[in-house]
Amino acid sequence: MTGTGVAWTDVLTAFCLVLVIEGLLPFLAPGRWKDAMRQVAGVDDGSLRRIGLISMILGVALLYLVRSTT
């Protein structure tokens, strides 16, 4: 496979893992998950954007650390 093919394989693998991780809480504790979603629905857009930005920055930083040590 070419370098581009490997990159797409990595992206699809990561996406599949996101789906598995995202599905854990609704599967294991659906009631608590619904309560959490109700609380999130009440949070203003600006706060959600900040949480999303912090999450993305943290994810990129952790990914950098993991990839640089291997």
Protein backbone atom coordinates (compact mmCIF):
# COMPACT_ATOMS: atom_id res chain seq x y z
CA MET A 1 0.00 0.00 0.00
CA THR A 2 1.12 3.55 -0.58
CA GLY A 3 1.65 6.05 2.21
CA THR A 4 -1.74 7.61 1.52
CA GLY A 5 -3.46 4.23 1.79
CA VAL A 6 -1.90 3.62 5.17
CA ALA A 7 -2.97 7.06 6.37
CA TRP A 8 -6.60 6.38 5.40
CA THR A 9 -6.42 3.00 7.12
CA ASP A 10 -5.23 4.74 10.28
CA VAL A 11 -8.02 7.32 10.06
CA LEU A 12 -10.67 4.66 9.57
CA THR A 13 -9.22 2.62 12.44
CA ALA A 14 -9.33 5.66 14.70
CA PHE A 15 -12.93 6.38 13.66
CA CYS A 16 -13.94 2.79 14.43
CA LEU A 17 -12.34 3.04 17.86
CA VAL A 18 -14.21 6.30 18.52
CA LEU A 19 -17.49 4.53 17.72
CA VAL A 20 -16.64 1.69 20.11
CA ILE A 21 -15.66 4.07 22.92
CA GLU A 22 -18.69 6.32 22.34
CA GLY A 23 -20.97 3.29 22.50
CA LEU A 24 -19.66 2.00 25.83
CA LEU A 25 -21.57 4.31 28.17
CA PRO A 26 -25.00 4.02 26.50
CA PHE A 27 -24.54 0.24 26.47
CA LEU A 28 -23.33 -0.12 30.07
CA ALA A 29 -25.40 2.59 31.79
CA PRO A 30 -28.18 3.94 29.53
CA GLY A 31 -29.97 5.78 32.34
CA ARG A 32 -26.86 7.64 33.46
CA TRP A 33 -26.02 8.39 29.82
CA LYS A 34 -29.46 9.95 29.26
CA ASP A 35 -29.07 12.04 32.41
CA ALA A 36 -25.68 13.26 31.19
CA MET A 37 -27.14 14.18 27.78
CA ARG A 38 -29.90 16.18 29.48
CA GLN A 39 -27.28 18.11 31.42
CA VAL A 40 -25.21 18.74 28.29
CA ALA A 41 -28.32 20.03 26.49
CA GLY A 42 -28.57 22.76 29.14
CA VAL A 43 -25.01 24.04 28.66
CA ASP A 44 -24.61 27.19 26.57
CA ASP A 45 -22.95 27.01 23.14
CA GLY A 46 -19.85 28.96 24.16
CA SER A 47 -19.07 26.57 26.99
CA LEU A 48 -19.56 23.57 24.72
CA ARG A 49 -17.21 25.09 22.16
CA ARG A 50 -14.55 25.66 24.84
CA ILE A 51 -14.94 22.08 26.08
CA GLY A 52 -14.63 20.82 22.51
CA LEU A 53 -11.54 22.93 21.85
CA ILE A 54 -9.85 21.79 25.07
CA SER A 55 -10.71 18.18 24.23
CA MET A 56 -9.22 18.49 20.73
CA ILE A 57 -6.03 20.17 22.01
CA LEU A 58 -5.63 17.53 24.70
CA GLY A 59 -6.20 14.76 22.15
CA VAL A 60 -3.62 16.16 19.75
CA ALA A 61 -1.10 16.63 22.56
CA LEU A 62 -1.61 13.08 23.84
CA LEU A 63 -1.40 11.70 20.33
CA TYR A 64 1.87 13.57 19.80
CA LEU A 65 3.27 12.18 23.04
CA VAL A 66 2.21 8.62 22.23
CA ARG A 67 3.51 8.76 18.65
CA SER A 68 6.81 10.41 19.63
CA THR A 69 7.66 7.71 22.19
CA THR A 70 7.14 4.79 19.81
